């Protein structure tokens, strides 16, 4: 199994992280110049801390007794599917919940990575979770999160990609951004789930995402238990499809098929 610490980020990641490294280098030089002058050293550290972009929020929020879950998606960090899911996971109190998701909708991005553009990262507000939004694809988000550049942990217990607005089963899996996020985690050796809600125009409504969360939470908890016991399928991602009106329709397993038009 490949260590996620050795996972190479796509070129261009990440502009503001370069500033972090520069500030740390400057801090180290200033501390050396101060010698044994504790007052000056403390003053310089405080000045640097006030200007340096924070990448240590996750250290403060991590309870070592709880497993870490990483959440991403394809619809963007402000999508109700992701927000409702993260809030529910936080309320359960069983996990350290961390988020690294696209700033905007990347639903049909497939397994694309950003090669020739600089990717920006900024903190985001989701109650109870440590969250970052990324100006890249779902694959960029997972690659960055597992690189160790943003979070203090070396590896999450599980990566969850979703909840996506719209089906990602059948041939849609091949160009789905939400499935690609889970697939990138799998490539990096981390178990993953991809979750999508079958959305129907003029029938589905935002409250369906809350219902979808109530349906998939038991699946997530079962997956984490199996991972902890060592019985979760190795080298496997699960693509979970939630039907329209999830509380009244049954959940059915699906497989990859080829449709003709």
C-alpha atoms as a PDB file:
ATOM      1  CA  UNK A   1       0.000   0.000   0.000  1.00  0.00           C
ATOM      2  CA  UNK A   2       1.442   3.352  -0.986  1.00  0.00           C
ATOM      3  CA  UNK A   3       1.935   5.857   1.789  1.00  0.00           C
ATOM      4  CA  UNK A   4      -0.097   9.024   1.274  1.00  0.00           C
ATOM      5  CA  UNK A   5       2.869  10.993   2.569  1.00  0.00           C
ATOM      6  CA  UNK A   6       4.667   9.998  -0.640  1.00  0.00           C
ATOM      7  CA  UNK A   7       1.732  11.042  -2.801  1.00  0.00           C
ATOM      8  CA  UNK A   8       2.951  13.586  -5.365  1.00  0.00           C
ATOM      9  CA  UNK A   9       0.694  16.587  -5.783  1.00  0.00           C
ATOM     10  CA  UNK A  10      -0.028  17.805  -9.306  1.00  0.00           C
ATOM     11  CA  UNK A  11       2.246  20.683 -10.405  1.00  0.00           C
ATOM     12  CA  UNK A  12       0.909  24.070  -9.430  1.00  0.00           C
ATOM     13  CA  UNK A  13      -0.226  23.116  -5.932  1.00  0.00           C
ATOM     14  CA  UNK A  14      -0.418  25.465  -4.078  1.00  0.00           C
ATOM     15  CA  UNK A  15       0.244  29.223  -4.243  1.00  0.00           C
ATOM     16  CA  UNK A  16      -0.472  30.306  -0.680  1.00  0.00           C
ATOM     17  CA  UNK A  17       1.446  27.342   0.739  1.00  0.00           C
ATOM     18  CA  UNK A  18       4.565  28.817  -0.812  1.00  0.00           C
ATOM     19  CA  UNK A  19       4.000  31.918   1.316  1.00  0.00           C
ATOM     20  CA  UNK A  20       3.716  29.731   4.411  1.00  0.00           C
ATOM     21  CA  UNK A  21       7.119  28.211   3.707  1.00  0.00           C
ATOM     22  CA  UNK A  22       8.663  31.623   3.072  1.00  0.00           C
ATOM     23  CA  UNK A  23       7.268  32.955   6.341  1.00  0.00           C
ATOM     24  CA  UNK A  24       8.561  29.928   8.230  1.00  0.00           C
ATOM     25  CA  UNK A  25      12.004  30.398   6.691  1.00  0.00           C
ATOM     26  CA  UNK A  26      11.968  34.065   7.681  1.00  0.00           C
ATOM     27  CA  UNK A  27      10.844  33.155  11.200  1.00  0.00           C
ATOM     28  CA  UNK A  28      13.728  30.695  11.564  1.00  0.00           C
ATOM     29  CA  UNK A  29      16.249  33.317  10.390  1.00  0.00           C
ATOM     30  CA  UNK A  30      14.846  35.959  12.753  1.00  0.00           C
ATOM     31  CA  UNK A  31      15.020  33.543  15.685  1.00  0.00           C
ATOM     32  CA  UNK A  32      18.674  32.768  14.923  1.00  0.00           C
ATOM     33  CA  UNK A  33      19.496  36.485  14.794  1.00  0.00           C
ATOM     34  CA  UNK A  34      17.841  37.059  18.164  1.00  0.00           C
ATOM     35  CA  UNK A  35      20.155  34.627  19.952  1.00  0.00           C
ATOM     36  CA  UNK A  36      19.201  34.310  23.613  1.00  0.00           C
ATOM     37  CA  UNK A  37      17.023  37.423  23.662  1.00  0.00           C
ATOM     38  CA  UNK A  38      13.765  35.771  24.692  1.00  0.00           C
ATOM     39  CA  UNK A  39      11.729  38.972  24.490  1.00  0.00           C
ATOM     40  CA  UNK A  40      12.745  39.707  20.899  1.00  0.00           C
ATOM     41  CA  UNK A  41      12.228  36.070  19.916  1.00  0.00           C
ATOM     42  CA  UNK A  42       8.702  36.047  21.311  1.00  0.00           C
ATOM     43  CA  UNK A  43       7.903  39.345  19.589  1.00  0.00           C
ATOM     44  CA  UNK A  44       9.076  38.057  16.205  1.00  0.00           C
ATOM     45  CA  UNK A  45       7.083  34.837  16.596  1.00  0.00           C
ATOM     46  CA  UNK A  46       3.924  36.775  17.383  1.00  0.00           C
ATOM     47  CA  UNK A  47       4.446  39.023  14.360  1.00  0.00           C
ATOM     48  CA  UNK A  48       4.933  36.061  12.047  1.00  0.00           C
ATOM     49  CA  UNK A  49       1.916  34.226  13.448  1.00  0.00           C
ATOM     50  CA  UNK A  50      -0.289  37.217  12.697  1.00  0.00           C
ATOM     51  CA  UNK A  51       0.605  37.222   8.993  1.00  0.00           C
ATOM     52  CA  UNK A  52       1.188  33.548   8.218  1.00  0.00           C
ATOM     53  CA  UNK A  53      -1.722  31.645   6.639  1.00  0.00           C
ATOM     54  CA  UNK A  54      -2.778  29.000   9.128  1.00  0.00           C
ATOM     55  CA  UNK A  55      -2.288  25.357   8.207  1.00  0.00           C
ATOM     56  CA  UNK A  56      -2.525  24.022  11.752  1.00  0.00           C
ATOM     57  CA  UNK A  57      -6.230  24.422  12.503  1.00  0.00           C
ATOM     58  CA  UNK A  58      -6.652  20.669  12.131  1.00  0.00           C
ATOM     59  CA  UNK A  59      -4.186  20.080  14.987  1.00  0.00           C
ATOM     60  CA  UNK A  60      -6.441  21.984  17.383  1.00  0.00           C
ATOM     61  CA  UNK A  61      -9.588  20.196  16.211  1.00  0.00           C
ATOM     62  CA  UNK A  62      -8.301  16.617  16.160  1.00  0.00           C
ATOM     63  CA  UNK A  63      -9.363  14.359  19.028  1.00  0.00           C
ATOM     64  CA  UNK A  64      -6.902  11.467  18.894  1.00  0.00           C
ATOM     65  CA  UNK A  65      -9.547   9.105  20.292  1.00  0.00           C
ATOM     66  CA  UNK A  66     -11.738   9.597  17.211  1.00  0.00           C
ATOM     67  CA  UNK A  67     -11.031   8.469  13.640  1.00  0.00           C
ATOM     68  CA  UNK A  68     -10.541  11.074  10.922  1.00  0.00           C
ATOM     69  CA  UNK A  69     -12.970  11.331   8.009  1.00  0.00           C
ATOM     70  CA  UNK A  70     -12.147  13.411   4.938  1.00  0.00           C
ATOM     71  CA  UNK A  71     -15.090  14.762   2.933  1.00  0.00           C
ATOM     72  CA  UNK A  72     -14.946  16.137  -0.604  1.00  0.00           C
ATOM     73  CA  UNK A  73     -17.399  16.374  -3.500  1.00  0.00           C
ATOM     74  CA  UNK A  74     -17.882  17.428  -7.103  1.00  0.00           C
ATOM     75  CA  UNK A  75     -20.621  20.041  -6.729  1.00  0.00           C
ATOM     76  CA  UNK A  76     -18.585  22.544  -4.714  1.00  0.00           C
ATOM     77  CA  UNK A  77     -18.062  23.199  -1.033  1.00  0.00           C
ATOM     78  CA  UNK A  78     -21.280  25.194  -0.615  1.00  0.00           C
ATOM     79  CA  UNK A  79     -23.524  22.494  -2.078  1.00  0.00           C
ATOM     80  CA  UNK A  80     -26.284  21.324   0.294  1.00  0.00           C
ATOM     81  CA  UNK A  81     -25.333  17.678  -0.163  1.00  0.00           C
ATOM     82  CA  UNK A  82     -21.880  18.239   1.318  1.00  0.00           C
ATOM     83  CA  UNK A  83     -22.979  20.734   3.979  1.00  0.00           C
ATOM     84  CA  UNK A  84     -25.811  18.552   5.324  1.00  0.00           C
ATOM     85  CA  UNK A  85     -23.573  15.486   5.337  1.00  0.00           C
ATOM     86  CA  UNK A  86     -20.735  17.211   7.186  1.00  0.00           C
ATOM     87  CA  UNK A  87     -23.085  18.763   9.735  1.00  0.00           C
ATOM     88  CA  UNK A  88     -24.649  15.360  10.414  1.00  0.00           C
ATOM     89  CA  UNK A  89     -21.251  13.693  10.844  1.00  0.00           C
ATOM     90  CA  UNK A  90     -20.218  16.435  13.268  1.00  0.00           C
ATOM     91  CA  UNK A  91     -23.444  16.058  15.278  1.00  0.00           C
ATOM     92  CA  UNK A  92     -22.842  12.333  15.680  1.00  0.00           C
ATOM     93  CA  UNK A  93     -19.636  13.124  17.528  1.00  0.00           C
ATOM     94  CA  UNK A  94     -17.941   9.913  16.418  1.00  0.00           C
ATOM     95  CA  UNK A  95     -15.365  11.395  14.051  1.00  0.00           C
ATOM     96  CA  UNK A  96     -12.917  14.191  13.424  1.00  0.00           C
ATOM     97  CA  UNK A  97     -14.464  15.653  10.277  1.00  0.00           C
ATOM     98  CA  UNK A  98     -12.247  17.439   7.752  1.00  0.00           C
ATOM     99  CA  UNK A  99     -13.274  18.900   4.411  1.00  0.00           C
ATOM    100  CA  UNK A 100     -11.283  19.693   1.283  1.00  0.00           C
ATOM    101  CA  UNK A 101     -13.618  20.465  -1.616  1.00  0.00           C
ATOM    102  CA  UNK A 102     -13.760  22.542  -4.822  1.00  0.00           C
ATOM    103  CA  UNK A 103     -14.693  26.202  -4.605  1.00  0.00           C
ATOM    104  CA  UNK A 104     -17.129  25.793  -7.506  1.00  0.00           C
ATOM    105  CA  UNK A 105     -19.087  23.102  -9.326  1.00  0.00           C
ATOM    106  CA  UNK A 106     -16.778  20.471 -10.869  1.00  0.00           C
ATOM    107  CA  UNK A 107     -19.452  17.838 -11.408  1.00  0.00           C
ATOM    108  CA  UNK A 108     -18.337  16.531 -14.811  1.00  0.00           C
ATOM    109  CA  UNK A 109     -14.589  16.957 -14.391  1.00  0.00           C
ATOM    110  CA  UNK A 110     -13.805  13.241 -14.404  1.00  0.00           C
ATOM    111  CA  UNK A 111     -10.375  12.299 -13.060  1.00  0.00           C
ATOM    112  CA  UNK A 112      -8.771  15.515 -14.280  1.00  0.00           C
ATOM    113  CA  UNK A 113      -5.908  17.225 -12.446  1.00  0.00           C
ATOM    114  CA  UNK A 114      -4.674  20.789 -12.713  1.00  0.00           C
ATOM    115  CA  UNK A 115      -1.250  20.888 -14.378  1.00  0.00           C
ATOM    116  CA  UNK A 116      -0.533  24.370 -15.750  1.00  0.00           C
ATOM    117  CA  UNK A 117      -2.409  26.624 -13.351  1.00  0.00           C
ATOM    118  CA  UNK A 118      -1.662  27.601  -9.779  1.00  0.00           C
ATOM    119  CA  UNK A 119      -4.268  26.304  -7.360  1.00  0.00           C
ATOM    120  CA  UNK A 120      -5.378  28.553  -4.505  1.00  0.00           C
ATOM    121  CA  UNK A 121      -6.519  27.237  -1.130  1.00  0.00           C
ATOM    122  CA  UNK A 122      -8.459  29.106   1.533  1.00  0.00           C
ATOM    123  CA  UNK A 123     -10.184  28.136   4.761  1.00  0.00           C
ATOM    124  CA  UNK A 124     -13.957  27.696   4.767  1.00  0.00           C
ATOM    125  CA  UNK A 125     -16.607  27.814   7.478  1.00  0.00           C
ATOM    126  CA  UNK A 126     -18.549  24.633   8.244  1.00  0.00           C
ATOM    127  CA  UNK A 127     -19.592  24.337  11.876  1.00  0.00           C
ATOM    128  CA  UNK A 128     -17.607  21.730  13.767  1.00  0.00           C
ATOM    129  CA  UNK A 129     -15.318  20.786  10.876  1.00  0.00           C
ATOM    130  CA  UNK A 130     -11.924  21.918   9.631  1.00  0.00           C
ATOM    131  CA  UNK A 131     -12.558  22.899   6.027  1.00  0.00           C
ATOM    132  CA  UNK A 132     -10.641  24.185   3.009  1.00  0.00           C
ATOM    133  CA  UNK A 133     -11.897  25.192  -0.418  1.00  0.00           C
ATOM    134  CA  UNK A 134      -9.681  24.620  -3.436  1.00  0.00           C
ATOM    135  CA  UNK A 135      -9.753  26.258  -6.867  1.00  0.00           C
ATOM    136  CA  UNK A 136      -9.288  22.883  -8.530  1.00  0.00           C
ATOM    137  CA  UNK A 137     -10.959  19.572  -9.271  1.00  0.00           C
ATOM    138  CA  UNK A 138     -12.123  16.915  -6.792  1.00  0.00           C
ATOM    139  CA  UNK A 139      -8.968  14.940  -7.612  1.00  0.00           C
ATOM    140  CA  UNK A 140      -6.840  18.006  -6.814  1.00  0.00           C
ATOM    141  CA  UNK A 141      -8.666  18.334  -3.487  1.00  0.00           C
ATOM    142  CA  UNK A 142      -8.084  14.744  -2.411  1.00  0.00           C
ATOM    143  CA  UNK A 143      -4.483  14.751  -3.637  1.00  0.00           C
ATOM    144  CA  UNK A 144      -3.773  17.924  -1.677  1.00  0.00           C
ATOM    145  CA  UNK A 145      -5.567  16.759   1.472  1.00  0.00           C
ATOM    146  CA  UNK A 146      -3.664  13.455   1.534  1.00  0.00           C
ATOM    147  CA  UNK A 147      -0.316  15.140   0.861  1.00  0.00           C
ATOM    148  CA  UNK A 148       0.024  16.379   4.449  1.00  0.00           C
ATOM    149  CA  UNK A 149       0.213  20.022   3.366  1.00  0.00           C
ATOM    150  CA  UNK A 150      -3.059  21.096   5.009  1.00  0.00           C
ATOM    151  CA  UNK A 151      -3.882  18.679   7.809  1.00  0.00           C
ATOM    152  CA  UNK A 152      -1.812  17.318  10.696  1.00  0.00           C
ATOM    153  CA  UNK A 153      -2.931  13.716  10.320  1.00  0.00           C
ATOM    154  CA  UNK A 154      -1.052  11.347   8.051  1.00  0.00           C
ATOM    155  CA  UNK A 155      -4.074   9.476   6.734  1.00  0.00           C
ATOM    156  CA  UNK A 156      -7.858   9.493   7.264  1.00  0.00           C
ATOM    157  CA  UNK A 157      -9.782   6.355   8.115  1.00  0.00           C
ATOM    158  CA  UNK A 158     -12.175   6.967   5.222  1.00  0.00           C
ATOM    159  CA  UNK A 159     -12.696   9.442   2.376  1.00  0.00           C
ATOM    160  CA  UNK A 160     -16.301  10.327   1.531  1.00  0.00           C
ATOM    161  CA  UNK A 161     -17.086  12.077  -1.748  1.00  0.00           C
ATOM    162  CA  UNK A 162     -20.580  13.563  -1.922  1.00  0.00           C
ATOM    163  CA  UNK A 163     -23.454  13.903  -1.615  1.00  0.00           C
ATOM    164  CA  UNK A 164     -23.668  14.616  -5.337  1.00  0.00           C
ATOM    165  CA  UNK A 165     -26.705  16.202  -6.989  1.00  0.00           C
ATOM    166  CA  UNK A 166     -27.555  13.731  -9.740  1.00  0.00           C
ATOM    167  CA  UNK A 167     -26.863  10.100 -10.499  1.00  0.00           C
ATOM    168  CA  UNK A 168     -23.293   8.832 -10.885  1.00  0.00           C
ATOM    169  CA  UNK A 169     -24.003   5.225 -11.782  1.00  0.00           C
ATOM    170  CA  UNK A 170     -23.506   3.295 -15.008  1.00  0.00           C
ATOM    171  CA  UNK A 171     -21.394   5.034 -17.634  1.00  0.00           C
ATOM    172  CA  UNK A 172     -21.693   8.308 -15.676  1.00  0.00           C
ATOM    173  CA  UNK A 173     -19.043   6.937 -13.313  1.00  0.00           C
ATOM    174  CA  UNK A 174     -16.350   7.514 -15.910  1.00  0.00           C
ATOM    175  CA  UNK A 175     -16.725  11.295 -16.070  1.00  0.00           C
ATOM    176  CA  UNK A 176     -18.235  11.956 -12.646  1.00  0.00           C
ATOM    177  CA  UNK A 177     -16.244  14.336 -10.462  1.00  0.00           C
ATOM    178  CA  UNK A 178     -17.673  12.911  -7.251  1.00  0.00           C
ATOM    179  CA  UNK A 179     -16.649   9.361  -8.190  1.00  0.00           C
ATOM    180  CA  UNK A 180     -13.201  10.632  -9.227  1.00  0.00           C
ATOM    181  CA  UNK A 181     -12.657  12.081  -5.754  1.00  0.00           C
ATOM    182  CA  UNK A 182     -13.286   8.675  -4.202  1.00  0.00           C
ATOM    183  CA  UNK A 183     -11.180   6.981  -6.878  1.00  0.00           C
ATOM    184  CA  UNK A 184      -8.199   9.247  -6.133  1.00  0.00           C
ATOM    185  CA  UNK A 185      -8.397   8.225  -2.477  1.00  0.00           C
ATOM    186  CA  UNK A 186      -8.417   4.584  -3.537  1.00  0.00           C
ATOM    187  CA  UNK A 187      -5.341   5.145  -5.708  1.00  0.00           C
ATOM    188  CA  UNK A 188      -3.625   6.628  -2.648  1.00  0.00           C
ATOM    189  CA  UNK A 189      -4.495   3.584  -0.553  1.00  0.00           C
ATOM    190  CA  UNK A 190      -7.392   5.034   1.448  1.00  0.00           C
ATOM    191  CA  UNK A 191     -10.849   3.369   1.584  1.00  0.00           C
ATOM    192  CA  UNK A 192     -13.541   5.570   0.075  1.00  0.00           C
ATOM    193  CA  UNK A 193     -17.238   6.060  -0.560  1.00  0.00           C
ATOM    194  CA  UNK A 194     -18.854   7.995  -3.393  1.00  0.00           C
ATOM    195  CA  UNK A 195     -22.438   9.079  -2.669  1.00  0.00           C
ATOM    196  CA  UNK A 196     -24.930  10.538  -5.152  1.00  0.00           C
ATOM    197  CA  UNK A 197     -28.620  11.469  -4.982  1.00  0.00           C
ATOM    198  CA  UNK A 198     -30.709  10.759  -8.069  1.00  0.00           C
ATOM    199  CA  UNK A 199     -32.078  14.227  -8.797  1.00  0.00           C
ATOM    200  CA  UNK A 200     -35.213  14.739 -10.896  1.00  0.00           C
ATOM    201  CA  UNK A 201     -36.176  18.147 -12.205  1.00  0.00           C
ATOM    202  CA  UNK A 202     -39.532  19.434 -10.914  1.00  0.00           C
ATOM    203  CA  UNK A 203     -39.686  16.544  -8.438  1.00  0.00           C
ATOM    204  CA  UNK A 204     -36.611  16.657  -6.215  1.00  0.00           C
ATOM    205  CA  UNK A 205     -36.121  19.339  -3.573  1.00  0.00           C
ATOM    206  CA  UNK A 206     -33.326  20.434  -1.265  1.00  0.00           C
ATOM    207  CA  UNK A 207     -34.826  18.617   1.719  1.00  0.00           C
ATOM    208  CA  UNK A 208     -34.132  15.370  -0.156  1.00  0.00           C
ATOM    209  CA  UNK A 209     -30.452  15.863   0.707  1.00  0.00           C
ATOM    210  CA  UNK A 210     -31.322  15.705   4.415  1.00  0.00           C
ATOM    211  CA  UNK A 211     -33.234  12.488   3.779  1.00  0.00           C
ATOM    212  CA  UNK A 212     -30.278  11.150   1.788  1.00  0.00           C
ATOM    213  CA  UNK A 213     -27.989  11.878   4.740  1.00  0.00           C
ATOM    214  CA  UNK A 214     -30.235   9.879   7.077  1.00  0.00           C
ATOM    215  CA  UNK A 215     -30.082   6.975   4.617  1.00  0.00           C
ATOM    216  CA  UNK A 216     -26.317   6.955   4.103  1.00  0.00           C
ATOM    217  CA  UNK A 217     -25.169   7.618   7.692  1.00  0.00           C
ATOM    218  CA  UNK A 218     -25.698   3.959   8.711  1.00  0.00           C
ATOM    219  CA  UNK A 219     -23.677   2.920   5.657  1.00  0.00           C
ATOM    220  CA  UNK A 220     -20.844   5.258   6.636  1.00  0.00           C
ATOM    221  CA  UNK A 221     -20.858   3.996  10.221  1.00  0.00           C
ATOM    222  CA  UNK A 222     -20.868   0.386   9.028  1.00  0.00           C
ATOM    223  CA  UNK A 223     -17.944   1.104   6.697  1.00  0.00           C
ATOM    224  CA  UNK A 224     -15.875   2.702   9.468  1.00  0.00           C
ATOM    225  CA  UNK A 225     -16.582  -0.247  11.776  1.00  0.00           C
ATOM    226  CA  UNK A 226     -15.513  -2.721   9.101  1.00  0.00           C
ATOM    227  CA  UNK A 227     -12.351  -0.725   8.400  1.00  0.00           C
ATOM    228  CA  UNK A 228     -11.544  -0.722  12.105  1.00  0.00           C
ATOM    229  CA  UNK A 229     -12.018  -4.497  12.241  1.00  0.00           C
ATOM    230  CA  UNK A 230      -9.936  -5.002   9.110  1.00  0.00           C
ATOM    231  CA  UNK A 231     -12.780  -6.601   7.159  1.00  0.00           C
ATOM    232  CA  UNK A 232     -13.595  -3.763   4.743  1.00  0.00           C
ATOM    233  CA  UNK A 233     -12.827  -4.916   1.171  1.00  0.00           C
ATOM    234  CA  UNK A 234      -9.245  -4.069   0.238  1.00  0.00           C
ATOM    235  CA  UNK A 235      -8.567  -1.938  -2.843  1.00  0.00           C
ATOM    236  CA  UNK A 236     -12.225  -1.019  -3.047  1.00  0.00           C
ATOM    237  CA  UNK A 237     -14.393   2.068  -3.303  1.00  0.00           C
ATOM    238  CA  UNK A 238     -18.144   1.893  -2.871  1.00  0.00           C
ATOM    239  CA  UNK A 239     -20.342   3.959  -5.182  1.00  0.00           C
ATOM    240  CA  UNK A 240     -23.601   4.581  -3.323  1.00  0.00           C
ATOM    241  CA  UNK A 241     -26.640   5.741  -5.314  1.00  0.00           C
ATOM    242  CA  UNK A 242     -29.501   7.244  -3.300  1.00  0.00           C
ATOM    243  CA  UNK A 243     -32.845   7.138  -5.167  1.00  0.00           C
ATOM    244  CA  UNK A 244     -35.184  10.072  -5.691  1.00  0.00           C
ATOM    245  CA  UNK A 245     -37.289  10.702  -2.554  1.00  0.00           C
ATOM    246  CA  UNK A 246     -34.969   8.450  -0.534  1.00  0.00           C
ATOM    247  CA  UNK A 247     -37.288   7.885   2.431  1.00  0.00           C
ATOM    248  CA  UNK A 248     -40.023   6.397   0.244  1.00  0.00           C
ATOM    249  CA  UNK A 249     -37.956   4.573  -2.385  1.00  0.00           C
ATOM    250  CA  UNK A 250     -35.769   1.536  -1.776  1.00  0.00           C
ATOM    251  CA  UNK A 251     -32.005   1.662  -2.255  1.00  0.00           C
ATOM    252  CA  UNK A 252     -30.853  -0.801  -4.918  1.00  0.00           C
ATOM    253  CA  UNK A 253     -27.324  -1.952  -5.827  1.00  0.00           C
ATOM    254  CA  UNK A 254     -26.042  -0.958  -9.271  1.00  0.00           C
ATOM    255  CA  UNK A 255     -23.308  -2.013 -11.649  1.00  0.00           C
ATOM    256  CA  UNK A 256     -21.476  -0.411 -14.562  1.00  0.00           C
ATOM    257  CA  UNK A 257     -23.463  -0.786 -17.779  1.00  0.00           C
ATOM    258  CA  UNK A 258     -23.226   0.587 -21.317  1.00  0.00           C
ATOM    259  CA  UNK A 259     -26.267   2.387 -22.655  1.00  0.00           C
ATOM    260  CA  UNK A 260     -27.109   2.785 -26.330  1.00  0.00           C
ATOM    261  CA  UNK A 261     -28.913   5.803 -27.746  1.00  0.00           C
END
